[in-house]
Amino acid sequence: MKRLIILVLALFSVPAFADKPGPGTTAVKSANEKISGLLKQKVTAGSKEEKDLAGKVAGSVRDFLDIDELGKRAMTDQWSKLTAKQQTEFLTTLRELIEDNYVKGLRSNLDYTVDYSGEAPDASNAGNVVVTTQINTKRHNRPYKIEVDYVLKKDGDKLKAWDIKTDGVGLVDNYREQFNKIVEKDGFDGLIAKMKKKQAS
């Protein structure tokens, strides 16, 4: 979940560019501005307005982050063993878990900046683009930098992220390791139960 929080920070931050952004960087920036703009709106906790705003945030996240692709890649070792119903249940639960994590940011007061350092074709995934960024924040009142890379792929006429790497470690690899361990120990039902428990916490 730590990497999800880093992802949230990245999308709440104010972007800074050294050069003219490419299409991948533009896609990340667009999502960044849309979500951060929604989060800046002031609403009363527990109100209908907050609920409506949360829905808009979740929708914006869905437009930018391909959670289904992320989930399938993270479950690649288990995917063929699941029934169609289990696959749907897993993706639905993962989608709700990740989107809820963003929605919780509605009540957060985050102050960060992001430097976009460039983009390039992904050597390990043909057709994908990697956008490299750096989050500038503070920890214990001292400057603190976090390297975050977005792996994007074509989805129709737009680019969407299916993996986010924090200091070189991606959400997909991180999830795959966790999911495999849980499935081996507790089975698929145990994995879904843990995911739903995490969502409710």
N, C-alpha and C. Protein backbone atom coordinates (compact mmCIF):
# COMPACT_ATOMS: atom_id res chain seq x y z
N MET A 1 0.82 -1.20 0.00
CA MET A 1 0.00 0.00 0.00
C MET A 1 0.86 1.27 0.00
N LYS A 2 2.11 1.16 0.48
CA LYS A 2 2.99 2.32 0.50
C LYS A 2 3.15 2.90 -0.89
N ARG A 3 3.28 2.02 -1.90
CA ARG A 3 3.48 2.49 -3.26
C ARG A 3 2.23 3.17 -3.80
N LEU A 4 1.06 2.74 -3.35
CA LEU A 4 -0.18 3.40 -3.75
C LEU A 4 -0.22 4.81 -3.19
N ILE A 5 0.24 4.97 -1.95
CA ILE A 5 0.26 6.29 -1.34
C ILE A 5 1.20 7.21 -2.11
N ILE A 6 2.36 6.67 -2.53
CA ILE A 6 3.29 7.45 -3.34
C ILE A 6 2.63 7.88 -4.63
N LEU A 7 1.85 6.98 -5.23
CA LEU A 7 1.13 7.30 -6.46
C LEU A 7 0.14 8.42 -6.23
N VAL A 8 -0.55 8.38 -5.10
CA VAL A 8 -1.49 9.44 -4.76
C VAL A 8 -0.76 10.77 -4.65
N LEU A 9 0.39 10.77 -3.99
CA LEU A 9 1.17 11.99 -3.85
C LEU A 9 1.55 12.55 -5.21
N ALA A 10 1.94 11.66 -6.11
CA ALA A 10 2.35 12.10 -7.44
C ALA A 10 1.22 12.79 -8.17
N LEU A 11 0.02 12.30 -8.02
CA LEU A 11 -1.11 12.88 -8.73
C LEU A 11 -1.67 14.12 -8.04
N PHE A 12 -1.28 14.36 -6.80
CA PHE A 12 -1.72 15.57 -6.11
C PHE A 12 -0.75 16.72 -6.30
N SER A 13 0.41 16.45 -6.88
CA SER A 13 1.50 17.41 -6.86
C SER A 13 1.43 18.41 -7.99
N VAL A 14 2.18 19.48 -7.82
CA VAL A 14 2.27 20.53 -8.84
C VAL A 14 3.41 20.17 -9.78
N PRO A 15 3.14 20.06 -11.11
CA PRO A 15 4.17 19.64 -12.03
C PRO A 15 5.15 20.75 -12.39
N ALA A 16 6.38 20.35 -12.70
CA ALA A 16 7.39 21.28 -13.19
C ALA A 16 8.10 20.60 -14.36
N PHE A 17 8.40 21.35 -15.42
CA PHE A 17 8.99 20.77 -16.61
C PHE A 17 10.31 21.46 -16.94
N ALA A 18 11.27 20.62 -17.35
CA ALA A 18 12.54 21.17 -17.79
C ALA A 18 12.47 21.46 -19.30
N ASP A 19 11.78 20.63 -20.06
CA ASP A 19 11.67 20.79 -21.50
C ASP A 19 10.21 20.63 -21.91
N LYS A 20 9.97 20.80 -23.21
CA LYS A 20 8.62 20.60 -23.73
C LYS A 20 8.21 19.14 -23.52
N PRO A 21 7.06 18.90 -22.89
CA PRO A 21 6.66 17.52 -22.60
C PRO A 21 6.25 16.74 -23.84
N GLY A 22 6.51 15.42 -23.84
CA GLY A 22 6.09 14.54 -24.91
C GLY A 22 4.68 14.04 -24.63
N PRO A 23 4.14 13.16 -25.48
CA PRO A 23 2.76 12.68 -25.30
C PRO A 23 2.53 11.93 -24.00
N GLY A 24 3.52 11.16 -23.56
CA GLY A 24 3.38 10.43 -22.30
C GLY A 24 3.33 11.38 -21.13
N THR A 25 4.26 12.32 -21.11
CA THR A 25 4.30 13.31 -20.03
C THR A 25 3.03 14.15 -20.03
N THR A 26 2.54 14.48 -21.21
CA THR A 26 1.30 15.26 -21.32
C THR A 26 0.14 14.49 -20.72
N ALA A 27 0.10 13.17 -20.95
CA ALA A 27 -0.98 12.34 -20.40
C ALA A 27 -0.93 12.32 -18.88
N VAL A 28 0.27 12.18 -18.32
CA VAL A 28 0.42 12.16 -16.86
C VAL A 28 0.05 13.53 -16.29
N LYS A 29 0.54 14.59 -16.94
CA LYS A 29 0.25 15.94 -16.48
C LYS A 29 -1.25 16.23 -16.50
N SER A 30 -1.92 15.80 -17.57
CA SER A 30 -3.35 16.03 -17.70
C SER A 30 -4.11 15.36 -16.56
N ALA A 31 -3.77 14.09 -16.27
CA ALA A 31 -4.41 13.38 -15.17
C ALA A 31 -4.11 14.06 -13.85
N ASN A 32 -2.86 14.48 -13.71
CA ASN A 32 -2.40 15.17 -12.51
C ASN A 32 -3.27 16.40 -12.23
N GLU A 33 -3.40 17.24 -13.24
CA GLU A 33 -4.13 18.50 -13.07
C GLU A 33 -5.61 18.26 -12.83
N LYS A 34 -6.19 17.28 -13.53
CA LYS A 34 -7.61 17.00 -13.37
C LYS A 34 -7.93 16.53 -11.95
N ILE A 35 -7.13 15.58 -11.46
CA ILE A 35 -7.39 15.02 -10.13
C ILE A 35 -7.08 16.04 -9.04
N SER A 36 -5.94 16.73 -9.17
CA SER A 36 -5.59 17.71 -8.13
C SER A 36 -6.61 18.85 -8.10
N GLY A 37 -7.15 19.20 -9.28
CA GLY A 37 -8.18 20.25 -9.34
C GLY A 37 -9.43 19.83 -8.58
N LEU A 38 -9.82 18.58 -8.73
CA LEU A 38 -10.99 18.07 -7.99
C LEU A 38 -10.72 18.09 -6.49
N LEU A 39 -9.51 17.69 -6.13
CA LEU A 39 -9.19 17.57 -4.70
C LEU A 39 -9.07 18.92 -3.99
N LYS A 40 -8.88 19.96 -4.78
CA LYS A 40 -8.79 21.29 -4.18
C LYS A 40 -10.17 21.85 -3.82
N GLN A 41 -11.22 21.22 -4.33
CA GLN A 41 -12.56 21.69 -4.02
C GLN A 41 -12.90 21.43 -2.55
N LYS A 42 -13.47 22.41 -1.90
CA LYS A 42 -13.81 22.30 -0.49
C LYS A 42 -15.25 21.82 -0.34
N VAL A 43 -15.40 20.70 0.33
CA VAL A 43 -16.73 20.16 0.59
C VAL A 43 -16.82 19.71 2.04
N THR A 44 -18.04 19.62 2.54
CA THR A 44 -18.26 19.20 3.93
C THR A 44 -18.15 17.69 4.05
N ALA A 45 -17.38 17.23 5.04
CA ALA A 45 -17.20 15.80 5.25
C ALA A 45 -18.54 15.11 5.48
N GLY A 46 -18.77 14.02 4.75
CA GLY A 46 -20.00 13.27 4.90
C GLY A 46 -21.17 13.80 4.10
N SER A 47 -20.98 14.89 3.38
CA SER A 47 -22.08 15.51 2.62
C SER A 47 -22.27 14.83 1.27
N LYS A 48 -23.41 15.15 0.62
CA LYS A 48 -23.67 14.65 -0.72
C LYS A 48 -22.62 15.18 -1.69
N GLU A 49 -22.21 16.42 -1.47
CA GLU A 49 -21.19 17.01 -2.33
C GLU A 49 -19.89 16.23 -2.26
N GLU A 50 -19.54 15.79 -1.04
CA GLU A 50 -18.30 15.01 -0.90
C GLU A 50 -18.43 13.66 -1.62
N LYS A 51 -19.59 13.05 -1.51
CA LYS A 51 -19.82 11.78 -2.18
C LYS A 51 -19.73 11.94 -3.69
N ASP A 52 -20.34 13.01 -4.20
CA ASP A 52 -20.29 13.27 -5.64
C ASP A 52 -18.86 13.53 -6.10
N LEU A 53 -18.11 14.28 -5.30
CA LEU A 53 -16.73 14.60 -5.63
C LEU A 53 -15.87 13.34 -5.61
N ALA A 54 -16.12 12.49 -4.63
CA ALA A 54 -15.37 11.23 -4.55
C ALA A 54 -15.60 10.39 -5.81
N GLY A 55 -16.82 10.39 -6.31
CA GLY A 55 -17.12 9.66 -7.53
C GLY A 55 -16.38 10.22 -8.73
N LYS A 56 -16.26 11.55 -8.78
CA LYS A 56 -15.53 12.18 -9.88
C LYS A 56 -14.04 11.85 -9.80
N VAL A 57 -13.49 11.83 -8.58
CA VAL A 57 -12.08 11.49 -8.41
C VAL A 57 -11.83 10.06 -8.86
N ALA A 58 -12.69 9.14 -8.42
CA ALA A 58 -12.55 7.73 -8.80
C ALA A 58 -12.63 7.58 -10.32
N GLY A 59 -13.55 8.31 -10.94
CA GLY A 59 -13.69 8.25 -12.39
C GLY A 59 -12.45 8.76 -13.11
N SER A 60 -11.86 9.82 -12.58
CA SER A 60 -10.65 10.38 -13.17
C SER A 60 -9.48 9.41 -13.04
N VAL A 61 -9.40 8.75 -11.89
CA VAL A 61 -8.36 7.74 -11.69
C VAL A 61 -8.52 6.62 -12.71
N ARG A 62 -9.77 6.18 -12.92
CA ARG A 62 -10.07 5.10 -13.85
C ARG A 62 -9.69 5.50 -15.28
N ASP A 63 -9.85 6.78 -15.61
CA ASP A 63 -9.50 7.25 -16.95
C ASP A 63 -8.00 7.22 -17.20
N PHE A 64 -7.21 7.35 -16.13
CA PHE A 64 -5.76 7.42 -16.28
C PHE A 64 -5.05 6.10 -15.99
N LEU A 65 -5.49 5.40 -14.97
CA LEU A 65 -4.82 4.17 -14.53
C LEU A 65 -5.61 2.95 -14.99
N ASP A 66 -4.98 2.09 -15.79
CA ASP A 66 -5.61 0.87 -16.29
C ASP A 66 -5.47 -0.21 -15.22
N ILE A 67 -6.39 -0.20 -14.26
CA ILE A 67 -6.30 -1.11 -13.12
C ILE A 67 -6.51 -2.56 -13.55
N ASP A 68 -7.33 -2.80 -14.57
CA ASP A 68 -7.53 -4.16 -15.04
C ASP A 68 -6.24 -4.74 -15.61
N GLU A 69 -5.52 -3.95 -16.38
CA GLU A 69 -4.26 -4.41 -16.95
C GLU A 69 -3.24 -4.66 -15.83
N LEU A 70 -3.19 -3.73 -14.89
CA LEU A 70 -2.30 -3.88 -13.74
C LEU A 70 -2.62 -5.18 -12.99
N GLY A 71 -3.90 -5.41 -12.76
CA GLY A 71 -4.32 -6.60 -12.02
C GLY A 71 -4.01 -7.89 -12.73
N LYS A 72 -4.25 -7.94 -14.04
CA LYS A 72 -3.98 -9.15 -14.81
C LYS A 72 -2.48 -9.47 -14.81
N ARG A 73 -1.66 -8.46 -14.94
CA ARG A 73 -0.21 -8.68 -14.94
C ARG A 73 0.27 -9.10 -13.55
N ALA A 74 -0.32 -8.52 -12.51
CA ALA A 74 0.06 -8.88 -11.15
C ALA A 74 -0.35 -10.30 -10.80
N MET A 75 -1.42 -10.79 -11.43
CA MET A 75 -1.93 -12.14 -11.17
C MET A 75 -1.56 -13.12 -12.28
N THR A 76 -0.55 -12.79 -13.05
CA THR A 76 -0.21 -13.60 -14.22
C THR A 76 0.08 -15.06 -13.87
N ASP A 77 0.63 -15.33 -12.68
CA ASP A 77 0.94 -16.70 -12.28
C ASP A 77 -0.31 -17.48 -11.87
N GLN A 78 -1.38 -16.77 -11.57
CA GLN A 78 -2.61 -17.41 -11.09
C GLN A 78 -3.77 -17.30 -12.08
N TRP A 79 -3.66 -16.37 -13.03
CA TRP A 79 -4.80 -15.96 -13.85
C TRP A 79 -5.49 -17.13 -14.55
N SER A 80 -4.72 -18.00 -15.19
CA SER A 80 -5.31 -19.10 -15.95
C SER A 80 -5.98 -20.14 -15.06
N LYS A 81 -5.66 -20.10 -13.76
CA LYS A 81 -6.24 -21.06 -12.82
C LYS A 81 -7.59 -20.59 -12.29
N LEU A 82 -7.92 -19.33 -12.54
CA LEU A 82 -9.15 -18.76 -12.02
C LEU A 82 -10.30 -18.94 -13.00
N THR A 83 -11.50 -19.06 -12.47
CA THR A 83 -12.68 -19.09 -13.32
C THR A 83 -12.98 -17.67 -13.79
N ALA A 84 -13.82 -17.54 -14.79
CA ALA A 84 -14.20 -16.21 -15.28
C ALA A 84 -14.84 -15.38 -14.17
N LYS A 85 -15.62 -16.04 -13.33
CA LYS A 85 -16.27 -15.34 -12.22
C LYS A 85 -15.23 -14.85 -11.22
N GLN A 86 -14.22 -15.66 -10.93
CA GLN A 86 -13.17 -15.26 -9.99
C GLN A 86 -12.34 -14.12 -10.57
N GLN A 87 -12.06 -14.17 -11.86
CA GLN A 87 -11.30 -13.10 -12.50
C GLN A 87 -12.03 -11.76 -12.36
N THR A 88 -13.34 -11.81 -12.62
CA THR A 88 -14.15 -10.60 -12.51
C THR A 88 -14.18 -10.09 -11.08
N GLU A 89 -14.34 -10.99 -10.12
CA GLU A 89 -14.37 -10.60 -8.72
C GLU A 89 -13.05 -9.98 -8.28
N PHE A 90 -11.95 -10.57 -8.73
CA PHE A 90 -10.63 -10.04 -8.37
C PHE A 90 -10.44 -8.63 -8.92
N LEU A 91 -10.72 -8.44 -10.21
CA LEU A 91 -10.52 -7.13 -10.82
C LEU A 91 -11.43 -6.08 -10.21
N THR A 92 -12.67 -6.45 -9.92
CA THR A 92 -13.61 -5.51 -9.29
C THR A 92 -13.11 -5.09 -7.91
N THR A 93 -12.64 -6.05 -7.13
CA THR A 93 -12.15 -5.76 -5.78
C THR A 93 -10.89 -4.90 -5.83
N LEU A 94 -9.97 -5.23 -6.74
CA LEU A 94 -8.75 -4.45 -6.87
C LEU A 94 -9.06 -3.03 -7.29
N ARG A 95 -9.98 -2.88 -8.24
CA ARG A 95 -10.37 -1.56 -8.73
C ARG A 95 -10.93 -0.71 -7.58
N GLU A 96 -11.81 -1.30 -6.78
CA GLU A 96 -12.41 -0.58 -5.67
C GLU A 96 -11.36 -0.22 -4.62
N LEU A 97 -10.42 -1.12 -4.38
CA LEU A 97 -9.37 -0.88 -3.39
C LEU A 97 -8.49 0.30 -3.79
N ILE A 98 -8.05 0.30 -5.04
CA ILE A 98 -7.18 1.36 -5.51
C ILE A 98 -7.91 2.70 -5.60
N GLU A 99 -9.13 2.67 -6.12
CA GLU A 99 -9.89 3.92 -6.25
C GLU A 99 -10.23 4.50 -4.89
N ASP A 100 -10.56 3.65 -3.93
CA ASP A 100 -10.85 4.13 -2.58
C ASP A 100 -9.63 4.80 -1.97
N ASN A 101 -8.44 4.28 -2.30
CA ASN A 101 -7.22 4.86 -1.77
C ASN A 101 -7.05 6.31 -2.24
N TYR A 102 -7.44 6.56 -3.50
CA TYR A 102 -7.40 7.92 -4.01
C TYR A 102 -8.45 8.80 -3.34
N VAL A 103 -9.63 8.25 -3.20
CA VAL A 103 -10.74 9.02 -2.62
C VAL A 103 -10.40 9.49 -1.21
N LYS A 104 -9.66 8.68 -0.46
CA LYS A 104 -9.27 9.07 0.89
C LYS A 104 -8.43 10.33 0.90
N GLY A 105 -7.84 10.64 -0.25
CA GLY A 105 -7.05 11.86 -0.34
C GLY A 105 -7.88 13.12 -0.31
N LEU A 106 -9.21 12.98 -0.41
CA LEU A 106 -10.08 14.14 -0.36
C LEU A 106 -9.88 14.96 0.92
N ARG A 107 -9.55 14.27 2.00
CA ARG A 107 -9.40 14.96 3.28
C ARG A 107 -7.94 15.21 3.63
N SER A 108 -7.05 14.97 2.67
CA SER A 108 -5.62 15.15 2.93
C SER A 108 -5.18 16.56 2.55
N ASN A 109 -4.17 17.03 3.21
CA ASN A 109 -3.58 18.32 2.88
C ASN A 109 -2.14 18.06 2.47
N LEU A 110 -1.93 17.87 1.17
CA LEU A 110 -0.63 17.46 0.67
C LEU A 110 0.02 18.58 -0.12
N ASP A 111 1.30 18.80 0.11
CA ASP A 111 2.03 19.86 -0.55
C ASP A 111 3.33 19.29 -1.11
N TYR A 112 3.32 19.01 -2.42
CA TYR A 112 4.47 18.42 -3.08
C TYR A 112 4.63 19.06 -4.45
N THR A 113 5.80 18.89 -5.03
CA THR A 113 5.98 19.24 -6.43
C THR A 113 6.56 18.03 -7.15
N VAL A 114 6.34 17.97 -8.46
CA VAL A 114 6.87 16.88 -9.26
C VAL A 114 7.67 17.45 -10.42
N ASP A 115 8.89 16.95 -10.60
CA ASP A 115 9.69 17.29 -11.77
C ASP A 115 9.55 16.17 -12.78
N TYR A 116 9.25 16.53 -14.02
CA TYR A 116 9.17 15.54 -15.09
C TYR A 116 10.50 15.58 -15.84
N SER A 117 11.26 14.49 -15.74
CA SER A 117 12.61 14.51 -16.28
C SER A 117 12.73 13.92 -17.68
N GLY A 118 11.65 13.33 -18.20
CA GLY A 118 11.70 12.84 -19.57
C GLY A 118 10.82 11.62 -19.79
N GLU A 119 10.83 11.14 -21.01
CA GLU A 119 10.09 9.93 -21.36
C GLU A 119 10.81 9.21 -22.49
N ALA A 120 10.63 7.88 -22.54
CA ALA A 120 11.32 7.07 -23.53
C ALA A 120 10.56 5.78 -23.74
N PRO A 121 10.77 5.10 -24.88
CA PRO A 121 10.14 3.80 -25.10
C PRO A 121 10.60 2.82 -24.02
N ASP A 122 9.70 1.93 -23.62
CA ASP A 122 10.02 0.93 -22.60
C ASP A 122 10.74 -0.23 -23.27
N ALA A 123 12.01 -0.43 -22.93
CA ALA A 123 12.83 -1.47 -23.57
C ALA A 123 12.28 -2.87 -23.33
N SER A 124 11.62 -3.08 -22.19
CA SER A 124 11.14 -4.43 -21.86
C SER A 124 9.70 -4.68 -22.29
N ASN A 125 9.00 -3.65 -22.74
CA ASN A 125 7.61 -3.79 -23.17
C ASN A 125 7.39 -2.97 -24.43
N ALA A 126 7.46 -3.63 -25.58
CA ALA A 126 7.34 -2.93 -26.86
C ALA A 126 6.02 -2.17 -26.95
N GLY A 127 6.10 -0.95 -27.42
CA GLY A 127 4.92 -0.13 -27.60
C GLY A 127 4.56 0.71 -26.39
N ASN A 128 5.21 0.46 -25.26
CA ASN A 128 4.94 1.24 -24.06
C ASN A 128 5.88 2.43 -23.94
N VAL A 129 5.47 3.39 -23.15
CA VAL A 129 6.26 4.59 -22.90
C VAL A 129 6.47 4.73 -21.40
N VAL A 130 7.68 5.08 -20.99
CA VAL A 130 7.98 5.30 -19.58
C VAL A 130 8.22 6.79 -19.35
N VAL A 131 7.45 7.37 -18.45
CA VAL A 131 7.61 8.77 -18.07
C VAL A 131 8.30 8.81 -16.71
N THR A 132 9.45 9.45 -16.66
CA THR A 132 10.23 9.51 -15.42
C THR A 132 9.95 10.82 -14.69
N THR A 133 9.73 10.71 -13.38
CA THR A 133 9.42 11.88 -12.56
C THR A 133 10.16 11.81 -11.23
N GLN A 134 10.16 12.92 -10.56
CA GLN A 134 10.73 12.98 -9.21
C GLN A 134 9.81 13.80 -8.32
N ILE A 135 9.38 13.21 -7.22
CA ILE A 135 8.55 13.92 -6.25
C ILE A 135 9.47 14.63 -5.26
N ASN A 136 9.24 15.91 -5.06
CA ASN A 136 10.01 16.71 -4.11
C ASN A 136 9.14 17.02 -2.91
N THR A 137 9.54 16.54 -1.77
CA THR A 137 8.76 16.75 -0.55
C THR A 137 9.72 16.92 0.62
N LYS A 138 9.21 16.78 1.82
CA LYS A 138 10.06 16.87 3.01
C LYS A 138 9.76 15.71 3.95
N ARG A 139 10.79 15.25 4.63
CA ARG A 139 10.63 14.24 5.66
C ARG A 139 11.48 14.67 6.84
N HIS A 140 10.84 14.78 8.00
CA HIS A 140 11.52 15.30 9.20
C HIS A 140 12.10 16.69 8.93
N ASN A 141 11.30 17.50 8.19
CA ASN A 141 11.67 18.87 7.87
C ASN A 141 12.92 19.00 7.01
N ARG A 142 13.28 17.94 6.32
CA ARG A 142 14.43 17.98 5.42
C ARG A 142 13.98 17.58 4.02
N PRO A 143 14.60 18.16 2.99
CA PRO A 143 14.22 17.81 1.61
C PRO A 143 14.32 16.30 1.36
N TYR A 144 13.33 15.78 0.66
CA TYR A 144 13.26 14.34 0.40
C TYR A 144 12.75 14.12 -1.01
N LYS A 145 13.47 13.32 -1.77
CA LYS A 145 13.11 13.09 -3.17
C LYS A 145 12.74 11.63 -3.39
N ILE A 146 11.71 11.39 -4.23
CA ILE A 146 11.25 10.05 -4.54
C ILE A 146 11.16 9.91 -6.05
N GLU A 147 11.84 8.91 -6.60
CA GLU A 147 11.79 8.66 -8.03
C GLU A 147 10.54 7.82 -8.37
N VAL A 148 9.70 8.34 -9.25
CA VAL A 148 8.48 7.63 -9.65
C VAL A 148 8.40 7.61 -11.18
N ASP A 149 8.31 6.40 -11.74
CA ASP A 149 8.19 6.25 -13.19
C ASP A 149 6.83 5.66 -13.53
N TYR A 150 6.20 6.21 -14.56
CA TYR A 150 4.90 5.72 -15.03
C TYR A 150 5.12 4.92 -16.31
N VAL A 151 4.58 3.71 -16.38
CA VAL A 151 4.63 2.91 -17.59
C VAL A 151 3.26 3.02 -18.27
N LEU A 152 3.25 3.59 -19.47
CA LEU A 152 2.00 3.87 -20.18
C LEU A 152 1.88 3.00 -21.43
N LYS A 153 0.64 2.72 -21.80
CA LYS A 153 0.38 2.00 -23.04
C LYS A 153 -0.79 2.65 -23.77
N LYS A 154 -0.85 2.41 -25.07
CA LYS A 154 -1.94 2.94 -25.88
C LYS A 154 -3.25 2.25 -25.52
N ASP A 155 -4.30 3.04 -25.32
CA ASP A 155 -5.63 2.51 -25.09
C ASP A 155 -6.58 3.33 -25.95
N GLY A 156 -6.83 2.84 -27.16
CA GLY A 156 -7.60 3.64 -28.10
C GLY A 156 -6.80 4.84 -28.55
N ASP A 157 -7.34 6.03 -28.33
CA ASP A 157 -6.65 7.24 -28.76
C ASP A 157 -5.92 7.93 -27.61
N LYS A 158 -5.76 7.24 -26.48
CA LYS A 158 -5.09 7.85 -25.34
C LYS A 158 -4.03 6.93 -24.75
N LEU A 159 -3.18 7.48 -23.91
CA LEU A 159 -2.18 6.71 -23.17
C LEU A 159 -2.66 6.54 -21.73
N LYS A 160 -2.59 5.31 -21.22
CA LYS A 160 -2.99 5.05 -19.84
C LYS A 160 -1.87 4.31 -19.12
N ALA A 161 -1.74 4.57 -17.83
CA ALA A 161 -0.70 3.92 -17.03
C ALA A 161 -1.18 2.56 -16.54
N TRP A 162 -0.31 1.54 -16.66
CA TRP A 162 -0.65 0.23 -16.12
C TRP A 162 0.35 -0.22 -15.05
N ASP A 163 1.41 0.57 -14.86
CA ASP A 163 2.35 0.29 -13.78
C ASP A 163 3.00 1.59 -13.34
N ILE A 164 3.29 1.69 -12.05
CA ILE A 164 3.99 2.84 -11.49
C ILE A 164 5.13 2.31 -10.65
N LYS A 165 6.35 2.75 -10.96
CA LYS A 165 7.53 2.24 -10.28
C LYS A 165 8.08 3.30 -9.33
N THR A 166 8.23 2.92 -8.08
CA THR A 166 8.77 3.81 -7.06
C THR A 166 10.17 3.35 -6.71
N ASP A 167 11.16 4.22 -6.99
CA ASP A 167 12.56 3.87 -6.77
C ASP A 167 12.89 2.53 -7.41
N GLY A 168 12.37 2.32 -8.62
CA GLY A 168 12.71 1.14 -9.41
C GLY A 168 11.83 -0.08 -9.20
N VAL A 169 10.96 -0.06 -8.21
CA VAL A 169 10.10 -1.22 -7.93
C VAL A 169 8.67 -0.86 -8.30
N GLY A 170 8.06 -1.69 -9.17
CA GLY A 170 6.74 -1.39 -9.69
C GLY A 170 5.60 -1.96 -8.86
N LEU A 171 4.42 -1.36 -9.03
CA LEU A 171 3.22 -1.87 -8.38
C LEU A 171 2.94 -3.31 -8.81
N VAL A 172 3.12 -3.60 -10.11
CA VAL A 172 2.82 -4.93 -10.62
C VAL A 172 3.68 -5.98 -9.93
N ASP A 173 5.00 -5.76 -9.89
CA ASP A 173 5.90 -6.73 -9.24
C ASP A 173 5.61 -6.85 -7.76
N ASN A 174 5.34 -5.72 -7.13
CA ASN A 174 5.06 -5.71 -5.69
C ASN A 174 3.79 -6.49 -5.38
N TYR A 175 2.74 -6.24 -6.16
CA TYR A 175 1.47 -6.95 -5.99
C TYR A 175 1.61 -8.44 -6.30
N ARG A 176 2.36 -8.75 -7.38
CA ARG A 176 2.50 -10.15 -7.78
C ARG A 176 3.10 -10.98 -6.64
N GLU A 177 4.13 -10.44 -6.03
CA GLU A 177 4.77 -11.15 -4.92
C GLU A 177 3.80 -11.36 -3.77
N GLN A 178 3.06 -10.30 -3.42
CA GLN A 178 2.10 -10.40 -2.32
C GLN A 178 0.97 -11.37 -2.65
N PHE A 179 0.41 -11.23 -3.85
CA PHE A 179 -0.73 -12.07 -4.24
C PHE A 179 -0.34 -13.55 -4.28
N ASN A 180 0.83 -13.86 -4.83
CA ASN A 180 1.26 -15.24 -4.91
C ASN A 180 1.40 -15.88 -3.53
N LYS A 181 1.97 -15.12 -2.61
CA LYS A 181 2.16 -15.63 -1.25
C LYS A 181 0.81 -15.91 -0.58
N ILE A 182 -0.13 -14.99 -0.75
CA ILE A 182 -1.44 -15.16 -0.11
C ILE A 182 -2.21 -16.32 -0.73
N VAL A 183 -2.19 -16.39 -2.06
CA VAL A 183 -2.92 -17.47 -2.73
C VAL A 183 -2.34 -18.84 -2.36
N GLU A 184 -1.02 -18.93 -2.29
CA GLU A 184 -0.38 -20.20 -1.92
C GLU A 184 -0.75 -20.63 -0.51
N LYS A 185 -0.92 -19.66 0.37
CA LYS A 185 -1.21 -19.96 1.77
C LYS A 185 -2.71 -20.09 2.03
N ASP A 186 -3.50 -19.15 1.51
CA ASP A 186 -4.92 -19.06 1.87
C ASP A 186 -5.88 -19.27 0.70
N GLY A 187 -5.34 -19.47 -0.50
CA GLY A 187 -6.21 -19.66 -1.65
C GLY A 187 -6.78 -18.35 -2.17
N PHE A 188 -7.53 -18.43 -3.25
CA PHE A 188 -8.11 -17.24 -3.87
C PHE A 188 -9.09 -16.54 -2.92
N ASP A 189 -9.93 -17.31 -2.23
CA ASP A 189 -10.90 -16.71 -1.31
C ASP A 189 -10.19 -15.94 -0.21
N GLY A 190 -9.04 -16.45 0.24
CA GLY A 190 -8.26 -15.74 1.26
C GLY A 190 -7.73 -14.43 0.74
N LEU A 191 -7.32 -14.41 -0.52
CA LEU A 191 -6.82 -13.17 -1.12
C LEU A 191 -7.91 -12.12 -1.18
N ILE A 192 -9.09 -12.50 -1.67
CA ILE A 192 -10.20 -11.56 -1.76
C ILE A 192 -10.58 -11.04 -0.38
N ALA A 193 -10.59 -11.92 0.62
CA ALA A 193 -10.94 -11.52 1.98
C ALA A 193 -9.95 -10.49 2.51
N LYS A 194 -8.64 -10.69 2.25
CA LYS A 194 -7.63 -9.75 2.73
C LYS A 194 -7.75 -8.41 2.01
N MET A 195 -8.05 -8.44 0.72
CA MET A 195 -8.20 -7.20 -0.04
C MET A 195 -9.39 -6.39 0.46
N LYS A 196 -10.50 -7.07 0.73
CA LYS A 196 -11.68 -6.38 1.22
C LYS A 196 -11.48 -5.85 2.63
N LYS A 197 -10.71 -6.57 3.43
CA LYS A 197 -10.41 -6.11 4.78
C LYS A 197 -9.56 -4.84 4.72
N LYS A 198 -8.60 -4.83 3.78
CA LYS A 198 -7.75 -3.66 3.60
C LYS A 198 -8.57 -2.46 3.14
N GLN A 199 -9.51 -2.72 2.25
CA GLN A 199 -10.37 -1.65 1.75
C GLN A 199 -11.22 -1.04 2.87
N ALA A 200 -11.68 -1.88 3.78
CA ALA A 200 -12.56 -1.43 4.86
C ALA A 200 -11.80 -0.72 5.97
N SER A 201 -10.48 -0.94 6.05
CA SER A 201 -9.71 -0.37 7.15
C SER A 201 -9.48 1.12 6.99
